[in-house]
Amino acid sequence: MDTALYYVRRREGELKDRSGVITPVWANRASHRAVRLLKAQKDDLCKKGRIQVDYLGLIINAYDSRRGKLVQENKDEWEKSSSPPVLAVIGDLKEGREAADGETPLLVYAPDSEHAQVMRDLAKELAV
């Protein structure tokens, strides 16, 4: 699934951890390296731009424990990490794959899917 990264800086007077970066990851080694690179880029942007960007957390995407021991170990490693926290684990669901393949937003393609519900629940949690 293609992902886009957006940096949302904290606005003046806004509570911490209400806007910022949420990064979708895979339960594999490459995602661990990619997140380290993204974190370095975010930190550099914040320093140079003198802005505050909160790192809200990770979403483990397309997870399937049947893919083997390494996938399980990588998921466990993400969950043990305290910074950033894992906000959700989304299974390898066909609606997510089909929406990505069709380049259609998930909430348009399959608004009643489990994947869409996880995303709505996360949005509600962050809005509080």
C-alpha atoms as a PDB file:
ATOM      1  CA  MET A   1       0.000   0.000   0.000  1.00  0.00           C
ATOM      2  CA  ASP A   2       1.306   3.395  -0.899  1.00  0.00           C
ATOM      3  CA  THR A   3       1.584   5.844   1.937  1.00  0.00           C
ATOM      4  CA  ALA A   4       2.082   9.561   2.159  1.00  0.00           C
ATOM      5  CA  LEU A   5       3.840  11.337   4.949  1.00  0.00           C
ATOM      6  CA  TYR A   6       2.459  14.619   6.177  1.00  0.00           C
ATOM      7  CA  TYR A   7       3.999  16.793   8.851  1.00  0.00           C
ATOM      8  CA  VAL A   8       1.427  18.677  10.884  1.00  0.00           C
ATOM      9  CA  ARG A   9       3.013  21.164  13.217  1.00  0.00           C
ATOM     10  CA  ARG A  10       1.502  21.953  16.573  1.00  0.00           C
ATOM     11  CA  ARG A  11      -0.431  25.200  16.462  1.00  0.00           C
ATOM     12  CA  GLU A  12      -0.006  27.825  19.139  1.00  0.00           C
ATOM     13  CA  GLY A  13      -2.091  26.886  22.183  1.00  0.00           C
ATOM     14  CA  GLU A  14      -2.861  23.387  20.875  1.00  0.00           C
ATOM     15  CA  LEU A  15      -2.533  20.465  23.258  1.00  0.00           C
ATOM     16  CA  LYS A  16       0.415  18.139  22.738  1.00  0.00           C
ATOM     17  CA  ASP A  17      -0.239  14.893  20.833  1.00  0.00           C
ATOM     18  CA  ARG A  18      -3.361  16.097  18.994  1.00  0.00           C
ATOM     19  CA  SER A  19      -1.773  16.713  15.597  1.00  0.00           C
ATOM     20  CA  GLY A  20       1.417  15.381  14.150  1.00  0.00           C
ATOM     21  CA  VAL A  21       2.880  12.384  12.390  1.00  0.00           C
ATOM     22  CA  ILE A  22       1.332   8.921  12.222  1.00  0.00           C
ATOM     23  CA  THR A  23       3.440   6.496  10.238  1.00  0.00           C
ATOM     24  CA  PRO A  24       2.097   3.308   8.665  1.00  0.00           C
ATOM     25  CA  VAL A  25       4.687   0.526   8.863  1.00  0.00           C
ATOM     26  CA  TRP A  26       5.074  -3.109   7.911  1.00  0.00           C
ATOM     27  CA  ALA A  27       6.238  -5.804  10.279  1.00  0.00           C
ATOM     28  CA  ASN A  28       9.602  -6.124   8.566  1.00  0.00           C
ATOM     29  CA  ARG A  29      13.221  -4.972   8.930  1.00  0.00           C
ATOM     30  CA  ALA A  30      12.997  -2.450   6.090  1.00  0.00           C
ATOM     31  CA  SER A  31      10.258  -0.524   7.909  1.00  0.00           C
ATOM     32  CA  HIS A  32      12.456  -0.188  10.983  1.00  0.00           C
ATOM     33  CA  ARG A  33      15.191   1.393   8.857  1.00  0.00           C
ATOM     34  CA  ALA A  34      12.688   3.625   7.057  1.00  0.00           C
ATOM     35  CA  VAL A  35      11.206   4.934  10.310  1.00  0.00           C
ATOM     36  CA  ARG A  36      14.675   5.838  11.598  1.00  0.00           C
ATOM     37  CA  LEU A  37      15.270   7.808   8.382  1.00  0.00           C
ATOM     38  CA  LEU A  38      11.877   9.550   8.603  1.00  0.00           C
ATOM     39  CA  LYS A  39      12.497  10.451  12.254  1.00  0.00           C
ATOM     40  CA  ALA A  40      15.854  11.989  11.348  1.00  0.00           C
ATOM     41  CA  GLN A  41      14.208  14.002   8.563  1.00  0.00           C
ATOM     42  CA  LYS A  42      11.424  15.181  10.900  1.00  0.00           C
ATOM     43  CA  ASP A  43      13.915  16.172  13.582  1.00  0.00           C
ATOM     44  CA  ASP A  44      15.994  18.091  11.024  1.00  0.00           C
ATOM     45  CA  LEU A  45      12.902  19.861   9.676  1.00  0.00           C
ATOM     46  CA  CYS A  46      11.832  20.854  13.190  1.00  0.00           C
ATOM     47  CA  LYS A  47      15.254  22.152  14.082  1.00  0.00           C
ATOM     48  CA  LYS A  48      15.729  24.153  10.871  1.00  0.00           C
ATOM     49  CA  GLY A  49      12.154  25.422  10.777  1.00  0.00           C
ATOM     50  CA  ARG A  50      11.975  26.067  14.515  1.00  0.00           C
ATOM     51  CA  ILE A  51       8.651  24.251  14.671  1.00  0.00           C
ATOM     52  CA  GLN A  52       7.191  21.593  16.913  1.00  0.00           C
ATOM     53  CA  VAL A  53       5.916  18.399  15.246  1.00  0.00           C
ATOM     54  CA  ASP A  54       4.644  15.659  17.519  1.00  0.00           C
ATOM     55  CA  TYR A  55       5.243  12.035  16.552  1.00  0.00           C
ATOM     56  CA  LEU A  56       1.897  10.473  17.419  1.00  0.00           C
ATOM     57  CA  GLY A  57       2.769   6.890  16.621  1.00  0.00           C
ATOM     58  CA  LEU A  58       2.795   3.964  14.257  1.00  0.00           C
ATOM     59  CA  ILE A  59       0.155   1.823  12.610  1.00  0.00           C
ATOM     60  CA  ILE A  60       1.299  -1.682  11.768  1.00  0.00           C
ATOM     61  CA  ASN A  61      -0.361  -2.280   8.426  1.00  0.00           C
ATOM     62  CA  ALA A  62      -1.201  -5.492   6.548  1.00  0.00           C
ATOM     63  CA  TYR A  63      -0.151  -7.695   9.459  1.00  0.00           C
ATOM     64  CA  ASP A  64      -0.568 -11.452   9.165  1.00  0.00           C
ATOM     65  CA  SER A  65       1.033 -13.712  11.774  1.00  0.00           C
ATOM     66  CA  ARG A  66       0.921 -16.609   9.303  1.00  0.00           C
ATOM     67  CA  ARG A  67       3.798 -14.973   7.431  1.00  0.00           C
ATOM     68  CA  GLY A  68       6.179 -16.450   9.955  1.00  0.00           C
ATOM     69  CA  LYS A  69       8.405 -15.927  12.929  1.00  0.00           C
ATOM     70  CA  LEU A  70      10.281 -12.885  11.576  1.00  0.00           C
ATOM     71  CA  VAL A  71       7.039 -10.996  10.952  1.00  0.00           C
ATOM     72  CA  GLN A  72       5.895 -11.769  14.509  1.00  0.00           C
ATOM     73  CA  GLU A  73       9.272 -10.711  15.939  1.00  0.00           C
ATOM     74  CA  ASN A  74       9.201  -7.421  14.020  1.00  0.00           C
ATOM     75  CA  LYS A  75       5.655  -6.697  15.212  1.00  0.00           C
ATOM     76  CA  ASP A  76       6.742  -7.457  18.784  1.00  0.00           C
ATOM     77  CA  GLU A  77       9.732  -5.150  18.375  1.00  0.00           C
ATOM     78  CA  TRP A  78       7.465  -2.313  17.207  1.00  0.00           C
ATOM     79  CA  GLU A  79       5.147  -2.873  20.166  1.00  0.00           C
ATOM     80  CA  LYS A  80       8.022  -2.920  22.692  1.00  0.00           C
ATOM     81  CA  SER A  81       9.279   0.406  21.407  1.00  0.00           C
ATOM     82  CA  SER A  82       7.968   3.188  23.604  1.00  0.00           C
ATOM     83  CA  SER A  83       8.676   5.958  21.138  1.00  0.00           C
ATOM     84  CA  PRO A  84       6.686   6.246  19.010  1.00  0.00           C
ATOM     85  CA  PRO A  85       3.954   3.931  20.287  1.00  0.00           C
ATOM     86  CA  VAL A  86       1.966   1.504  18.155  1.00  0.00           C
ATOM     87  CA  LEU A  87      -1.518   3.010  17.873  1.00  0.00           C
ATOM     88  CA  ALA A  88      -3.125   0.165  15.946  1.00  0.00           C
ATOM     89  CA  VAL A  89      -2.440  -3.117  14.204  1.00  0.00           C
ATOM     90  CA  ILE A  90      -4.407  -3.634  11.013  1.00  0.00           C
ATOM     91  CA  GLY A  91      -4.579  -7.077   9.508  1.00  0.00           C
ATOM     92  CA  ASP A  92      -3.813  -7.880   5.898  1.00  0.00           C
ATOM     93  CA  LEU A  93      -7.364  -7.236   4.765  1.00  0.00           C
ATOM     94  CA  LYS A  94      -8.489  -7.469   1.154  1.00  0.00           C
ATOM     95  CA  GLU A  95     -10.385  -4.138   1.275  1.00  0.00           C
ATOM     96  CA  GLY A  96      -7.187  -2.277   2.087  1.00  0.00           C
ATOM     97  CA  ARG A  97      -5.296  -3.956  -0.756  1.00  0.00           C
ATOM     98  CA  GLU A  98      -8.134  -3.389  -3.221  1.00  0.00           C
ATOM     99  CA  ALA A  99      -8.498   0.283  -2.275  1.00  0.00           C
ATOM    100  CA  ALA A 100      -4.760   0.837  -2.688  1.00  0.00           C
ATOM    101  CA  ASP A 101      -4.645  -1.048  -5.996  1.00  0.00           C
ATOM    102  CA  GLY A 102      -7.572   1.006  -7.283  1.00  0.00           C
ATOM    103  CA  GLU A 103      -6.067   4.236  -5.914  1.00  0.00           C
ATOM    104  CA  THR A 104      -9.330   4.900  -4.099  1.00  0.00           C
ATOM    105  CA  PRO A 105      -9.464   6.195  -0.521  1.00  0.00           C
ATOM    106  CA  LEU A 106     -10.317   3.342   1.825  1.00  0.00           C
ATOM    107  CA  LEU A 107     -13.219   5.219   3.430  1.00  0.00           C
ATOM    108  CA  VAL A 108     -14.763   5.652  -0.029  1.00  0.00           C
ATOM    109  CA  TYR A 109     -14.024   2.147  -1.321  1.00  0.00           C
ATOM    110  CA  ALA A 110     -14.984   0.163   1.785  1.00  0.00           C
ATOM    111  CA  PRO A 111     -16.463   2.470   4.427  1.00  0.00           C
ATOM    112  CA  ASP A 112     -17.900  -0.419   6.462  1.00  0.00           C
ATOM    113  CA  SER A 113     -14.736  -2.525   6.487  1.00  0.00           C
ATOM    114  CA  GLU A 114     -12.781  -3.448   9.609  1.00  0.00           C
ATOM    115  CA  HIS A 115      -9.838  -1.458   8.250  1.00  0.00           C
ATOM    116  CA  ALA A 116     -11.984   1.682   7.880  1.00  0.00           C
ATOM    117  CA  GLN A 117     -13.402   1.235  11.385  1.00  0.00           C
ATOM    118  CA  VAL A 118      -9.892   1.084  12.885  1.00  0.00           C
ATOM    119  CA  MET A 119      -9.043   4.353  11.127  1.00  0.00           C
ATOM    120  CA  ARG A 120     -12.263   6.041  12.375  1.00  0.00           C
ATOM    121  CA  ASP A 121     -11.633   4.826  15.938  1.00  0.00           C
ATOM    122  CA  LEU A 122      -8.104   6.216  15.827  1.00  0.00           C
ATOM    123  CA  ALA A 123      -9.343   9.569  14.522  1.00  0.00           C
ATOM    124  CA  LYS A 124     -11.908   9.771  17.351  1.00  0.00           C
ATOM    125  CA  GLU A 125      -9.291   8.921  19.945  1.00  0.00           C
ATOM    126  CA  LEU A 126      -6.967  11.660  18.716  1.00  0.00           C
ATOM    127  CA  ALA A 127      -9.787  14.221  18.514  1.00  0.00           C
ATOM    128  CA  VAL A 128     -10.568  13.997  22.237  1.00  0.00           C
END
